Amino acid sequence: VIGIIRFAWEYSYTKYPCGEEEKSSMPDIISKVHYLHFGIILFG
């Protein structure tokens, strides 16, 4: 359930190319938590 929520949440936002990242409204929990770090959290 947590994995699906993370997946759907992340892909609900538009991906902007390099140089236009400031246009993204993605929250920090998605944009600043690397997927490998999220894997550690999920494992815990």
PDB file of all heavy atoms in Angstrom:
ATOM      1  N   VAL A   1       0.834  -1.206   0.000  1.00  0.00           N
ATOM      2  CA  VAL A   1       0.000   0.000   0.000  1.00  0.00           C
ATOM      3  C   VAL A   1       0.869   1.257   0.000  1.00  0.00           C
ATOM      4  O   VAL A   1       0.641   2.198  -0.774  1.00  0.00           O
ATOM      5  CB  VAL A   1      -0.953  -0.010   1.214  1.00  0.00           C
ATOM      6  CG1 VAL A   1      -1.656   1.349   1.354  1.00  0.00           C
ATOM      7  CG2 VAL A   1      -1.977  -1.120   1.071  1.00  0.00           C
ATOM      8  N   ILE A   2       1.878   1.276   0.861  1.00  0.00           N
ATOM      9  CA  ILE A   2       2.755   2.457   0.926  1.00  0.00           C
ATOM     10  C   ILE A   2       3.501   2.637  -0.387  1.00  0.00           C
ATOM     11  O   ILE A   2       3.641   3.760  -0.890  1.00  0.00           O
ATOM     12  CB  ILE A   2       3.750   2.329   2.095  1.00  0.00           C
ATOM     13  CG1 ILE A   2       2.992   2.340   3.431  1.00  0.00           C
ATOM     14  CG2 ILE A   2       4.769   3.460   2.063  1.00  0.00           C
ATOM     15  CD1 ILE A   2       3.887   2.122   4.640  1.00  0.00           C
ATOM     16  N   GLY A   3       3.970   1.534  -0.970  1.00  0.00           N
ATOM     17  CA  GLY A   3       4.680   1.634  -2.243  1.00  0.00           C
ATOM     18  C   GLY A   3       3.804   2.162  -3.359  1.00  0.00           C
ATOM     19  O   GLY A   3       4.230   2.995  -4.162  1.00  0.00           O
ATOM     20  N   ILE A   4       2.554   1.691  -3.424  1.00  0.00           N
ATOM     21  CA  ILE A   4       1.636   2.163  -4.461  1.00  0.00           C
ATOM     22  C   ILE A   4       1.327   3.649  -4.274  1.00  0.00           C
ATOM     23  O   ILE A   4       1.264   4.413  -5.240  1.00  0.00           O
ATOM     24  CB  ILE A   4       0.344   1.321  -4.442  1.00  0.00           C
ATOM     25  CG1 ILE A   4       0.635  -0.096  -4.947  1.00  0.00           C
ATOM     26  CG2 ILE A   4      -0.740   1.970  -5.297  1.00  0.00           C
ATOM     27  CD1 ILE A   4      -0.560  -1.023  -4.883  1.00  0.00           C
ATOM     28  N   ILE A   5       1.132   4.057  -3.015  1.00  0.00           N
ATOM     29  CA  ILE A   5       0.853   5.476  -2.738  1.00  0.00           C
ATOM     30  C   ILE A   5       2.021   6.340  -3.203  1.00  0.00           C
ATOM     31  O   ILE A   5       1.835   7.372  -3.865  1.00  0.00           O
ATOM     32  CB  ILE A   5       0.577   5.687  -1.243  1.00  0.00           C
ATOM     33  CG1 ILE A   5      -0.754   5.033  -0.861  1.00  0.00           C
ATOM     34  CG2 ILE A   5       0.556   7.177  -0.905  1.00  0.00           C
ATOM     35  CD1 ILE A   5      -1.045   5.074   0.628  1.00  0.00           C
ATOM     36  N   ARG A   6       3.226   5.944  -2.871  1.00  0.00           N
ATOM     37  CA  ARG A   6       4.405   6.705  -3.283  1.00  0.00           C
ATOM     38  C   ARG A   6       4.504   6.767  -4.807  1.00  0.00           C
ATOM     39  O   ARG A   6       4.768   7.830  -5.390  1.00  0.00           O
ATOM     40  CB  ARG A   6       5.660   6.062  -2.688  1.00  0.00           C
ATOM     41  CG  ARG A   6       6.977   6.376  -3.403  1.00  0.00           C
ATOM     42  CD  ARG A   6       7.515   7.751  -3.080  1.00  0.00           C
ATOM     43  NE  ARG A   6       8.640   8.111  -3.929  1.00  0.00           N
ATOM     44  CZ  ARG A   6       9.790   8.621  -3.504  1.00  0.00           C
ATOM     45  NH1 ARG A   6       9.975   8.837  -2.223  1.00  0.00           N
ATOM     46  NH2 ARG A   6      10.741   8.935  -4.354  1.00  0.00           N
ATOM     47  N   PHE A   7       4.302   5.623  -5.455  1.00  0.00           N
ATOM     48  CA  PHE A   7       4.389   5.567  -6.914  1.00  0.00           C
ATOM     49  C   PHE A   7       3.356   6.474  -7.567  1.00  0.00           C
ATOM     50  O   PHE A   7       3.682   7.286  -8.437  1.00  0.00           O
ATOM     51  CB  PHE A   7       4.190   4.118  -7.374  1.00  0.00           C
ATOM     52  CG  PHE A   7       4.183   3.950  -8.865  1.00  0.00           C
ATOM     53  CD1 PHE A   7       5.374   3.875  -9.573  1.00  0.00           C
ATOM     54  CD2 PHE A   7       2.990   3.872  -9.562  1.00  0.00           C
ATOM     55  CE1 PHE A   7       5.370   3.730 -10.957  1.00  0.00           C
ATOM     56  CE2 PHE A   7       2.971   3.724 -10.936  1.00  0.00           C
ATOM     57  CZ  PHE A   7       4.165   3.653 -11.634  1.00  0.00           C
ATOM     58  N   ALA A   8       2.092   6.347  -7.142  1.00  0.00           N
ATOM     59  CA  ALA A   8       1.027   7.151  -7.745  1.00  0.00           C
ATOM     60  C   ALA A   8       1.215   8.630  -7.447  1.00  0.00           C
ATOM     61  O   ALA A   8       0.976   9.488  -8.315  1.00  0.00           O
ATOM     62  CB  ALA A   8      -0.332   6.672  -7.225  1.00  0.00           C
ATOM     63  N   TRP A   9       1.642   8.934  -6.237  1.00  0.00           N
ATOM     64  CA  TRP A   9       1.840  10.328  -5.835  1.00  0.00           C
ATOM     65  C   TRP A   9       2.926  10.985  -6.681  1.00  0.00           C
ATOM     66  O   TRP A   9       2.753  12.093  -7.188  1.00  0.00           O
ATOM     67  CB  TRP A   9       2.212  10.363  -4.352  1.00  0.00           C
ATOM     68  CG  TRP A   9       2.107  11.723  -3.716  1.00  0.00           C
ATOM     69  CD1 TRP A   9       1.687  12.894  -4.300  1.00  0.00           C
ATOM     70  CD2 TRP A   9       2.427  12.050  -2.364  1.00  0.00           C
ATOM     71  NE1 TRP A   9       1.728  13.912  -3.388  1.00  0.00           N
ATOM     72  CE2 TRP A   9       2.185  13.430  -2.188  1.00  0.00           C
ATOM     73  CE3 TRP A   9       2.906  11.318  -1.283  1.00  0.00           C
ATOM     74  CZ2 TRP A   9       2.405  14.087  -0.974  1.00  0.00           C
ATOM     75  CZ3 TRP A   9       3.107  11.959  -0.074  1.00  0.00           C
ATOM     76  CH2 TRP A   9       2.865  13.322   0.083  1.00  0.00           C
ATOM     77  N   GLU A  10       4.044  10.272  -6.844  1.00  0.00           N
ATOM     78  CA  GLU A  10       5.157  10.850  -7.606  1.00  0.00           C
ATOM     79  C   GLU A  10       4.783  11.065  -9.065  1.00  0.00           C
ATOM     80  O   GLU A  10       5.093  12.106  -9.658  1.00  0.00           O
ATOM     81  CB  GLU A  10       6.385   9.947  -7.494  1.00  0.00           C
ATOM     82  CG  GLU A  10       7.589  10.454  -8.272  1.00  0.00           C
ATOM     83  CD  GLU A  10       8.820   9.608  -8.061  1.00  0.00           C
ATOM     84  OE1 GLU A  10       8.768   8.674  -7.236  1.00  0.00           O
ATOM     85  OE2 GLU A  10       9.846   9.881  -8.721  1.00  0.00           O
ATOM     86  N   TYR A  11       4.124  10.092  -9.665  1.00  0.00           N
ATOM     87  CA  TYR A  11       3.825  10.180 -11.088  1.00  0.00           C
ATOM     88  C   TYR A  11       2.573  11.001 -11.397  1.00  0.00           C
ATOM     89  O   TYR A  11       2.192  11.126 -12.550  1.00  0.00           O
ATOM     90  CB  TYR A  11       3.719   8.781 -11.691  1.00  0.00           C
ATOM     91  CG  TYR A  11       5.075   8.192 -11.961  1.00  0.00           C
ATOM     92  CD1 TYR A  11       5.749   7.485 -10.966  1.00  0.00           C
ATOM     93  CD2 TYR A  11       5.700   8.390 -13.187  1.00  0.00           C
ATOM     94  CE1 TYR A  11       7.013   6.961 -11.201  1.00  0.00           C
ATOM     95  CE2 TYR A  11       6.962   7.872 -13.428  1.00  0.00           C
ATOM     96  CZ  TYR A  11       7.611   7.157 -12.431  1.00  0.00           C
ATOM     97  OH  TYR A  11       8.867   6.651 -12.666  1.00  0.00           O
ATOM     98  N   SER A  12       1.952  11.544 -10.347  1.00  0.00           N
ATOM     99  CA  SER A  12       0.839  12.459 -10.588  1.00  0.00           C
ATOM    100  C   SER A  12       1.320  13.867 -10.921  1.00  0.00           C
ATOM    101  O   SER A  12       0.538  14.713 -11.345  1.00  0.00           O
ATOM    102  CB  SER A  12      -0.074  12.505  -9.357  1.00  0.00           C
ATOM    103  OG  SER A  12       0.604  13.064  -8.244  1.00  0.00           O
ATOM    104  N   TYR A  13       2.633  14.104 -10.729  1.00  0.00           N
ATOM    105  CA  TYR A  13       3.212  15.418 -11.021  1.00  0.00           C
ATOM    106  C   TYR A  13       3.934  15.389 -12.370  1.00  0.00           C
ATOM    107  O   TYR A  13       4.464  14.368 -12.786  1.00  0.00           O
ATOM    108  CB  TYR A  13       4.210  15.832  -9.928  1.00  0.00           C
ATOM    109  CG  TYR A  13       3.570  16.119  -8.593  1.00  0.00           C
ATOM    110  CD1 TYR A  13       3.466  15.114  -7.629  1.00  0.00           C
ATOM    111  CD2 TYR A  13       3.064  17.378  -8.289  1.00  0.00           C
ATOM    112  CE1 TYR A  13       2.884  15.361  -6.401  1.00  0.00           C
ATOM    113  CE2 TYR A  13       2.477  17.636  -7.062  1.00  0.00           C
ATOM    114  CZ  TYR A  13       2.389  16.619  -6.121  1.00  0.00           C
ATOM    115  OH  TYR A  13       1.807  16.877  -4.904  1.00  0.00           O
ATOM    116  N   THR A  14       3.946  16.528 -13.022  1.00  0.00           N
ATOM    117  CA  THR A  14       4.618  16.658 -14.317  1.00  0.00           C
ATOM    118  C   THR A  14       6.126  16.668 -14.129  1.00  0.00           C
ATOM    119  O   THR A  14       6.648  17.321 -13.216  1.00  0.00           O
ATOM    120  CB  THR A  14       4.184  17.958 -15.019  1.00  0.00           C
ATOM    121  OG1 THR A  14       2.766  17.941 -15.180  1.00  0.00           O
ATOM    122  CG2 THR A  14       4.851  18.090 -16.377  1.00  0.00           C
ATOM    123  N   LYS A  15       6.833  15.936 -14.980  1.00  0.00           N
ATOM    124  CA  LYS A  15       8.292  15.930 -14.959  1.00  0.00           C
ATOM    125  C   LYS A  15       8.804  17.027 -15.874  1.00  0.00           C
ATOM    126  O   LYS A  15       8.489  17.052 -17.070  1.00  0.00           O
ATOM    127  CB  LYS A  15       8.823  14.571 -15.438  1.00  0.00           C
ATOM    128  CG  LYS A  15       8.416  13.404 -14.566  1.00  0.00           C
ATOM    129  CD  LYS A  15       9.171  13.372 -13.268  1.00  0.00           C
ATOM    130  CE  LYS A  15       8.838  12.120 -12.475  1.00  0.00           C
ATOM    131  NZ  LYS A  15       9.571  12.034 -11.202  1.00  0.00           N
ATOM    132  N   TYR A  16       9.586  17.946 -15.326  1.00  0.00           N
ATOM    133  CA  TYR A  16      10.123  19.051 -16.113  1.00  0.00           C
ATOM    134  C   TYR A  16      11.573  18.777 -16.479  1.00  0.00           C
ATOM    135  O   TYR A  16      12.325  18.194 -15.689  1.00  0.00           O
ATOM    136  CB  TYR A  16      10.023  20.361 -15.330  1.00  0.00           C
ATOM    137  CG  TYR A  16       8.605  20.849 -15.157  1.00  0.00           C
ATOM    138  CD1 TYR A  16       7.875  20.533 -14.014  1.00  0.00           C
ATOM    139  CD2 TYR A  16       7.993  21.616 -16.147  1.00  0.00           C
ATOM    140  CE1 TYR A  16       6.567  20.969 -13.857  1.00  0.00           C
ATOM    141  CE2 TYR A  16       6.686  22.065 -16.000  1.00  0.00           C
ATOM    142  CZ  TYR A  16       5.980  21.732 -14.854  1.00  0.00           C
ATOM    143  OH  TYR A  16       4.684  22.165 -14.711  1.00  0.00           O
ATOM    144  N   PRO A  17      12.008  19.198 -17.673  1.00  0.00           N
ATOM    145  CA  PRO A  17      13.394  18.959 -18.098  1.00  0.00           C
ATOM    146  C   PRO A  17      14.371  19.818 -17.322  1.00  0.00           C
ATOM    147  O   PRO A  17      13.977  20.731 -16.571  1.00  0.00           O
ATOM    148  CB  PRO A  17      13.363  19.340 -19.588  1.00  0.00           C
ATOM    149  CG  PRO A  17      12.245  20.319 -19.707  1.00  0.00           C
ATOM    150  CD  PRO A  17      11.219  19.886 -18.717  1.00  0.00           C
ATOM    151  N   CYS A  18      15.645  19.530 -17.519  1.00  0.00           N
ATOM    152  CA  CYS A  18      16.701  20.266 -16.844  1.00  0.00           C
ATOM    153  C   CYS A  18      16.580  21.764 -17.130  1.00  0.00           C
ATOM    154  O   CYS A  18      16.348  22.185 -18.262  1.00  0.00           O
ATOM    155  CB  CYS A  18      18.063  19.761 -17.323  1.00  0.00           C
ATOM    156  SG  CYS A  18      19.479  20.603 -16.592  1.00  0.00           S
ATOM    157  N   GLY A  19      16.719  22.560 -16.083  1.00  0.00           N
ATOM    158  CA  GLY A  19      16.629  24.008 -16.222  1.00  0.00           C
ATOM    159  C   GLY A  19      15.258  24.567 -15.919  1.00  0.00           C
ATOM    160  O   GLY A  19      15.100  25.779 -15.745  1.00  0.00           O
ATOM    161  N   GLU A  20      14.255  23.677 -15.818  1.00  0.00           N
ATOM    162  CA  GLU A  20      12.894  24.126 -15.546  1.00  0.00           C
ATOM    163  C   GLU A  20      12.336  23.477 -14.275  1.00  0.00           C
ATOM    164  O   GLU A  20      11.128  23.440 -14.065  1.00  0.00           O
ATOM    165  CB  GLU A  20      11.984  23.803 -16.734  1.00  0.00           C
ATOM    166  CG  GLU A  20      12.422  24.449 -18.038  1.00  0.00           C
ATOM    167  CD  GLU A  20      11.494  24.113 -19.188  1.00  0.00           C
ATOM    168  OE1 GLU A  20      10.365  23.642 -18.923  1.00  0.00           O
ATOM    169  OE2 GLU A  20      11.880  24.305 -20.340  1.00  0.00           O
ATOM    170  N   GLU A  21      13.211  22.993 -13.411  1.00  0.00           N
ATOM    171  CA  GLU A  21      12.761  22.288 -12.214  1.00  0.00           C
ATOM    172  C   GLU A  21      11.950  23.178 -11.283  1.00  0.00           C
ATOM    173  O   GLU A  21      11.118  22.683 -10.518  1.00  0.00           O
ATOM    174  CB  GLU A  21      13.970  21.727 -11.442  1.00  0.00           C
ATOM    175  CG  GLU A  21      14.727  20.644 -12.173  1.00  0.00           C
ATOM    176  CD  GLU A  21      15.833  21.204 -13.054  1.00  0.00           C
ATOM    177  OE1 GLU A  21      15.874  22.444 -13.240  1.00  0.00           O
ATOM    178  OE2 GLU A  21      16.647  20.408 -13.531  1.00  0.00           O
ATOM    179  N   GLU A  22      12.205  24.498 -11.323  1.00  0.00           N
ATOM    180  CA  GLU A  22      11.494  25.391 -10.411  1.00  0.00           C
ATOM    181  C   GLU A  22       9.989  25.429 -10.679  1.00  0.00           C
ATOM    182  O   GLU A  22       9.198  25.861  -9.833  1.00  0.00           O
ATOM    183  CB  GLU A  22      12.059  26.812 -10.509  1.00  0.00           C
ATOM    184  CG  GLU A  22      11.811  27.526 -11.822  1.00  0.00           C
ATOM    185  CD  GLU A  22      12.791  27.124 -12.920  1.00  0.00           C
ATOM    186  OE1 GLU A  22      13.712  26.340 -12.616  1.00  0.00           O
ATOM    187  OE2 GLU A  22      12.636  27.605 -14.042  1.00  0.00           O
ATOM    188  N   LYS A  23       9.567  24.963 -11.846  1.00  0.00           N
ATOM    189  CA  LYS A  23       8.139  24.935 -12.175  1.00  0.00           C
ATOM    190  C   LYS A  23       7.401  23.818 -11.433  1.00  0.00           C
ATOM    191  O   LYS A  23       6.177  23.860 -11.320  1.00  0.00           O
ATOM    192  CB  LYS A  23       7.945  24.728 -13.684  1.00  0.00           C
ATOM    193  CG  LYS A  23       8.496  25.848 -14.545  1.00  0.00           C
ATOM    194  CD  LYS A  23       8.247  25.547 -16.021  1.00  0.00           C
ATOM    195  CE  LYS A  23       8.804  26.642 -16.915  1.00  0.00           C
ATOM    196  NZ  LYS A  23       8.569  26.340 -18.349  1.00  0.00           N
ATOM    197  N   SER A  24       8.134  22.843 -10.935  1.00  0.00           N
ATOM    198  CA  SER A  24       7.517  21.700 -10.301  1.00  0.00           C
ATOM    199  C   SER A  24       6.947  22.071  -8.937  1.00  0.00           C
ATOM    200  O   SER A  24       7.562  22.818  -8.167  1.00  0.00           O
ATOM    201  CB  SER A  24       8.522  20.561 -10.148  1.00  0.00           C
ATOM    202  OG  SER A  24       7.964  19.478  -9.457  1.00  0.00           O
ATOM    203  N   SER A  25       5.765  21.560  -8.636  1.00  0.00           N
ATOM    204  CA  SER A  25       5.124  21.774  -7.332  1.00  0.00           C
ATOM    205  C   SER A  25       5.195  20.516  -6.470  1.00  0.00           C
ATOM    206  O   SER A  25       4.456  20.382  -5.498  1.00  0.00           O
ATOM    207  CB  SER A  25       3.661  22.177  -7.536  1.00  0.00           C
ATOM    208  OG  SER A  25       2.961  21.179  -8.273  1.00  0.00           O
ATOM    209  N   MET A  26       6.086  19.606  -6.819  1.00  0.00           N
ATOM    210  CA  MET A  26       6.223  18.340  -6.102  1.00  0.00           C
ATOM    211  C   MET A  26       6.682  18.594  -4.671  1.00  0.00           C
ATOM    212  O   MET A  26       7.627  19.343  -4.431  1.00  0.00           O
ATOM    213  CB  MET A  26       7.237  17.455  -6.833  1.00  0.00           C
ATOM    214  CG  MET A  26       7.277  16.023  -6.360  1.00  0.00           C
ATOM    215  SD  MET A  26       8.472  15.031  -7.317  1.00  0.00           S
ATOM    216  CE  MET A  26       7.750  15.108  -8.956  1.00  0.00           C
ATOM    217  N   PRO A  27       6.028  17.990  -3.663  1.00  0.00           N
ATOM    218  CA  PRO A  27       6.424  18.204  -2.263  1.00  0.00           C
ATOM    219  C   PRO A  27       7.789  17.605  -1.961  1.00  0.00           C
ATOM    220  O   PRO A  27       8.271  16.710  -2.666  1.00  0.00           O
ATOM    221  CB  PRO A  27       5.312  17.510  -1.477  1.00  0.00           C
ATOM    222  CG  PRO A  27       4.764  16.486  -2.416  1.00  0.00           C
ATOM    223  CD  PRO A  27       4.873  17.093  -3.780  1.00  0.00           C
ATOM    224  N   ASP A  28       8.400  18.065  -0.882  1.00  0.00           N
ATOM    225  CA  ASP A  28       9.741  17.621  -0.525  1.00  0.00           C
ATOM    226  C   ASP A  28       9.798  16.118  -0.244  1.00  0.00           C
ATOM    227  O   ASP A  28      10.811  15.473  -0.519  1.00  0.00           O
ATOM    228  CB  ASP A  28      10.241  18.394   0.704  1.00  0.00           C
ATOM    229  CG  ASP A  28      10.548  19.847   0.373  1.00  0.00           C
ATOM    230  OD1 ASP A  28      10.566  20.186  -0.828  1.00  0.00           O
ATOM    231  OD2 ASP A  28      10.758  20.636   1.314  1.00  0.00           O
ATOM    232  N   ILE A  29       8.725  15.555   0.307  1.00  0.00           N
ATOM    233  CA  ILE A  29       8.727  14.138   0.640  1.00  0.00           C
ATOM    234  C   ILE A  29       8.901  13.284  -0.612  1.00  0.00           C
ATOM    235  O   ILE A  29       9.370  12.145  -0.551  1.00  0.00           O
ATOM    236  CB  ILE A  29       7.416  13.755   1.371  1.00  0.00           C
ATOM    237  CG1 ILE A  29       7.489  12.308   1.881  1.00  0.00           C
ATOM    238  CG2 ILE A  29       6.221  13.912   0.445  1.00  0.00           C
ATOM    239  CD1 ILE A  29       8.516  12.065   2.922  1.00  0.00           C
ATOM    240  N   ILE A  30       8.574  13.842  -1.760  1.00  0.00           N
ATOM    241  CA  ILE A  30       8.747  13.140  -3.024  1.00  0.00           C
ATOM    242  C   ILE A  30      10.019  13.586  -3.723  1.00  0.00           C
ATOM    243  O   ILE A  30      10.832  12.771  -4.154  1.00  0.00           O
ATOM    244  CB  ILE A  30       7.533  13.358  -3.951  1.00  0.00           C
ATOM    245  CG1 ILE A  30       6.260  12.815  -3.301  1.00  0.00           C
ATOM    246  CG2 ILE A  30       7.763  12.692  -5.302  1.00  0.00           C
ATOM    247  CD1 ILE A  30       6.257  11.335  -3.084  1.00  0.00           C
ATOM    248  N   SER A  31      10.219  14.898  -3.834  1.00  0.00           N
ATOM    249  CA  SER A  31      11.332  15.422  -4.630  1.00  0.00           C
ATOM    250  C   SER A  31      12.679  15.278  -3.942  1.00  0.00           C
ATOM    251  O   SER A  31      13.703  15.151  -4.614  1.00  0.00           O
ATOM    252  CB  SER A  31      11.083  16.902  -4.963  1.00  0.00           C
ATOM    253  OG  SER A  31      11.004  17.673  -3.775  1.00  0.00           O
ATOM    254  N   LYS A  32      12.702  15.273  -2.591  1.00  0.00           N
ATOM    255  CA  LYS A  32      13.981  15.277  -1.884  1.00  0.00           C
ATOM    256  C   LYS A  32      14.303  13.957  -1.195  1.00  0.00           C
ATOM    257  O   LYS A  32      15.371  13.815  -0.607  1.00  0.00           O
ATOM    258  CB  LYS A  32      13.993  16.416  -0.860  1.00  0.00           C
ATOM    259  CG  LYS A  32      13.956  17.804  -1.496  1.00  0.00           C
ATOM    260  CD  LYS A  32      14.110  18.900  -0.465  1.00  0.00           C
ATOM    261  CE  LYS A  32      14.104  20.273  -1.131  1.00  0.00           C
ATOM    262  NZ  LYS A  32      14.254  21.370  -0.139  1.00  0.00           N
ATOM    263  N   VAL A  33      13.377  13.011  -1.221  1.00  0.00           N
ATOM    264  CA  VAL A  33      13.659  11.688  -0.653  1.00  0.00           C
ATOM    265  C   VAL A  33      13.942  10.737  -1.814  1.00  0.00           C
ATOM    266  O   VAL A  33      13.026  10.339  -2.543  1.00  0.00           O
ATOM    267  CB  VAL A  33      12.472  11.176   0.192  1.00  0.00           C
ATOM    268  CG1 VAL A  33      12.778   9.779   0.724  1.00  0.00           C
ATOM    269  CG2 VAL A  33      12.196  12.130   1.345  1.00  0.00           C
ATOM    270  N   HIS A  34      15.206  10.406  -1.985  1.00  0.00           N
ATOM    271  CA  HIS A  34      15.620   9.529  -3.086  1.00  0.00           C
ATOM    272  C   HIS A  34      14.924   8.181  -2.957  1.00  0.00           C
ATOM    273  O   HIS A  34      14.628   7.703  -1.853  1.00  0.00           O
ATOM    274  CB  HIS A  34      17.138   9.347  -3.043  1.00  0.00           C
ATOM    275  CG  HIS A  34      17.718   8.755  -4.270  1.00  0.00           C
ATOM    276  ND1 HIS A  34      17.779   7.395  -4.483  1.00  0.00           N
ATOM    277  CD2 HIS A  34      18.282   9.333  -5.362  1.00  0.00           C
ATOM    278  CE1 HIS A  34      18.360   7.159  -5.645  1.00  0.00           C
ATOM    279  NE2 HIS A  34      18.676   8.316  -6.206  1.00  0.00           N
ATOM    280  N   TYR A  35      14.690   7.536  -4.101  1.00  0.00           N
ATOM    281  CA  TYR A  35      13.955   6.271  -4.061  1.00  0.00           C
ATOM    282  C   TYR A  35      14.711   5.189  -3.300  1.00  0.00           C
ATOM    283  O   TYR A  35      14.099   4.306  -2.682  1.00  0.00           O
ATOM    284  CB  TYR A  35      13.620   5.801  -5.478  1.00  0.00           C
ATOM    285  CG  TYR A  35      14.770   5.237  -6.269  1.00  0.00           C
ATOM    286  CD1 TYR A  35      15.059   3.879  -6.253  1.00  0.00           C
ATOM    287  CD2 TYR A  35      15.582   6.067  -7.051  1.00  0.00           C
ATOM    288  CE1 TYR A  35      16.112   3.353  -6.985  1.00  0.00           C
ATOM    289  CE2 TYR A  35      16.632   5.551  -7.786  1.00  0.00           C
ATOM    290  CZ  TYR A  35      16.895   4.201  -7.746  1.00  0.00           C
ATOM    291  OH  TYR A  35      17.942   3.695  -8.470  1.00  0.00           O
ATOM    292  N   LEU A  36      16.045   5.247  -3.305  1.00  0.00           N
ATOM    293  CA  LEU A  36      16.812   4.288  -2.520  1.00  0.00           C
ATOM    294  C   LEU A  36      16.667   4.569  -1.028  1.00  0.00           C
ATOM    295  O   LEU A  36      16.621   3.641  -0.215  1.00  0.00           O
ATOM    296  CB  LEU A  36      18.280   4.327  -2.932  1.00  0.00           C
ATOM    297  CG  LEU A  36      18.609   3.750  -4.313  1.00  0.00           C
ATOM    298  CD1 LEU A  36      20.082   3.957  -4.645  1.00  0.00           C
ATOM    299  CD2 LEU A  36      18.253   2.266  -4.402  1.00  0.00           C
ATOM    300  N   HIS A  37      16.603   5.844  -0.656  1.00  0.00           N
ATOM    301  CA  HIS A  37      16.360   6.188   0.744  1.00  0.00           C
ATOM    302  C   HIS A  37      14.942   5.800   1.146  1.00  0.00           C
ATOM    303  O   HIS A  37      14.713   5.334   2.271  1.00  0.00           O
ATOM    304  CB  HIS A  37      16.564   7.692   0.957  1.00  0.00           C
ATOM    305  CG  HIS A  37      17.987   8.110   0.855  1.00  0.00           C
ATOM    306  ND1 HIS A  37      18.380   9.426   0.666  1.00  0.00           N
ATOM    307  CD2 HIS A  37      19.141   7.383   0.903  1.00  0.00           C
ATOM    308  CE1 HIS A  37      19.696   9.488   0.613  1.00  0.00           C
ATOM    309  NE2 HIS A  37      20.176   8.260   0.751  1.00  0.00           N
ATOM    310  N   PHE A  38      13.996   5.990   0.241  1.00  0.00           N
ATOM    311  CA  PHE A  38      12.626   5.588   0.526  1.00  0.00           C
ATOM    312  C   PHE A  38      12.547   4.082   0.736  1.00  0.00           C
ATOM    313  O   PHE A  38      11.762   3.598   1.565  1.00  0.00           O
ATOM    314  CB  PHE A  38      11.693   6.012  -0.615  1.00  0.00           C
ATOM    315  CG  PHE A  38      10.256   5.660  -0.380  1.00  0.00           C
ATOM    316  CD1 PHE A  38       9.475   6.419   0.468  1.00  0.00           C
ATOM    317  CD2 PHE A  38       9.694   4.546  -0.995  1.00  0.00           C
ATOM    318  CE1 PHE A  38       8.144   6.083   0.691  1.00  0.00           C
ATOM    319  CE2 PHE A  38       8.372   4.199  -0.772  1.00  0.00           C
ATOM    320  CZ  PHE A  38       7.593   4.980   0.074  1.00  0.00           C
ATOM    321  N   GLY A  39      13.364   3.330  -0.007  1.00  0.00           N
ATOM    322  CA  GLY A  39      13.405   1.888   0.183  1.00  0.00           C
ATOM    323  C   GLY A  39      13.848   1.509   1.585  1.00  0.00           C
ATOM    324  O   GLY A  39      13.327   0.549   2.168  1.00  0.00           O
ATOM    325  N   ILE A  40      14.800   2.256   2.145  1.00  0.00           N
ATOM    326  CA  ILE A  40      15.245   1.999   3.515  1.00  0.00           C
ATOM    327  C   ILE A  40      14.100   2.252   4.494  1.00  0.00           C
ATOM    328  O   ILE A  40      13.852   1.466   5.419  1.00  0.00           O
ATOM    329  CB  ILE A  40      16.458   2.880   3.863  1.00  0.00           C
ATOM    330  CG1 ILE A  40      17.621   2.604   2.900  1.00  0.00           C
ATOM    331  CG2 ILE A  40      16.890   2.649   5.305  1.00  0.00           C
ATOM    332  CD1 ILE A  40      18.796   3.537   3.089  1.00  0.00           C
ATOM    333  N   ILE A  41      13.409   3.386   4.297  1.00  0.00           N
ATOM    334  CA  ILE A  41      12.279   3.729   5.169  1.00  0.00           C
ATOM    335  C   ILE A  41      11.198   2.657   5.086  1.00  0.00           C
ATOM    336  O   ILE A  41      10.663   2.201   6.109  1.00  0.00           O
ATOM    337  CB  ILE A  41      11.712   5.113   4.780  1.00  0.00           C
ATOM    338  CG1 ILE A  41      12.773   6.199   4.986  1.00  0.00           C
ATOM    339  CG2 ILE A  41      10.452   5.426   5.578  1.00  0.00           C
ATOM    340  CD1 ILE A  41      12.369   7.561   4.450  1.00  0.00           C
ATOM    341  N   LEU A  42      10.871   2.247   3.864  1.00  0.00           N
ATOM    342  CA  LEU A  42       9.825   1.249   3.673  1.00  0.00           C
ATOM    343  C   LEU A  42      10.211  -0.083   4.310  1.00  0.00           C
ATOM    344  O   LEU A  42       9.374  -0.759   4.932  1.00  0.00           O
ATOM    345  CB  LEU A  42       9.545   1.069   2.179  1.00  0.00           C
ATOM    346  CG  LEU A  42       8.402   0.132   1.802  1.00  0.00           C
ATOM    347  CD1 LEU A  42       7.094   0.602   2.428  1.00  0.00           C
ATOM    348  CD2 LEU A  42       8.262   0.046   0.288  1.00  0.00           C
ATOM    349  N   PHE A  43      11.465  -0.468   4.165  1.00  0.00           N
ATOM    350  CA  PHE A  43      11.946  -1.706   4.788  1.00  0.00           C
ATOM    351  C   PHE A  43      11.788  -1.642   6.301  1.00  0.00           C
ATOM    352  O   PHE A  43      11.359  -2.607   6.944  1.00  0.00           O
ATOM    353  CB  PHE A  43      13.407  -1.939   4.422  1.00  0.00           C
ATOM    354  CG  PHE A  43      14.010  -3.164   5.045  1.00  0.00           C
ATOM    355  CD1 PHE A  43      13.725  -4.419   4.544  1.00  0.00           C
ATOM    356  CD2 PHE A  43      14.855  -3.068   6.133  1.00  0.00           C
ATOM    357  CE1 PHE A  43      14.279  -5.557   5.120  1.00  0.00           C
ATOM    358  CE2 PHE A  43      15.411  -4.196   6.725  1.00  0.00           C
ATOM    359  CZ  PHE A  43      15.124  -5.444   6.208  1.00  0.00           C
ATOM    360  N   GLY A  44      12.113  -0.485   6.874  1.00  0.00           N
ATOM    361  CA  GLY A  44      11.966  -0.316   8.318  1.00  0.00           C
ATOM    362  C   GLY A  44      10.513  -0.421   8.764  1.00  0.00           C
ATOM    363  O   GLY A  44      10.208  -1.083   9.769  1.00  0.00           O
TER     364      GLY A  44
END
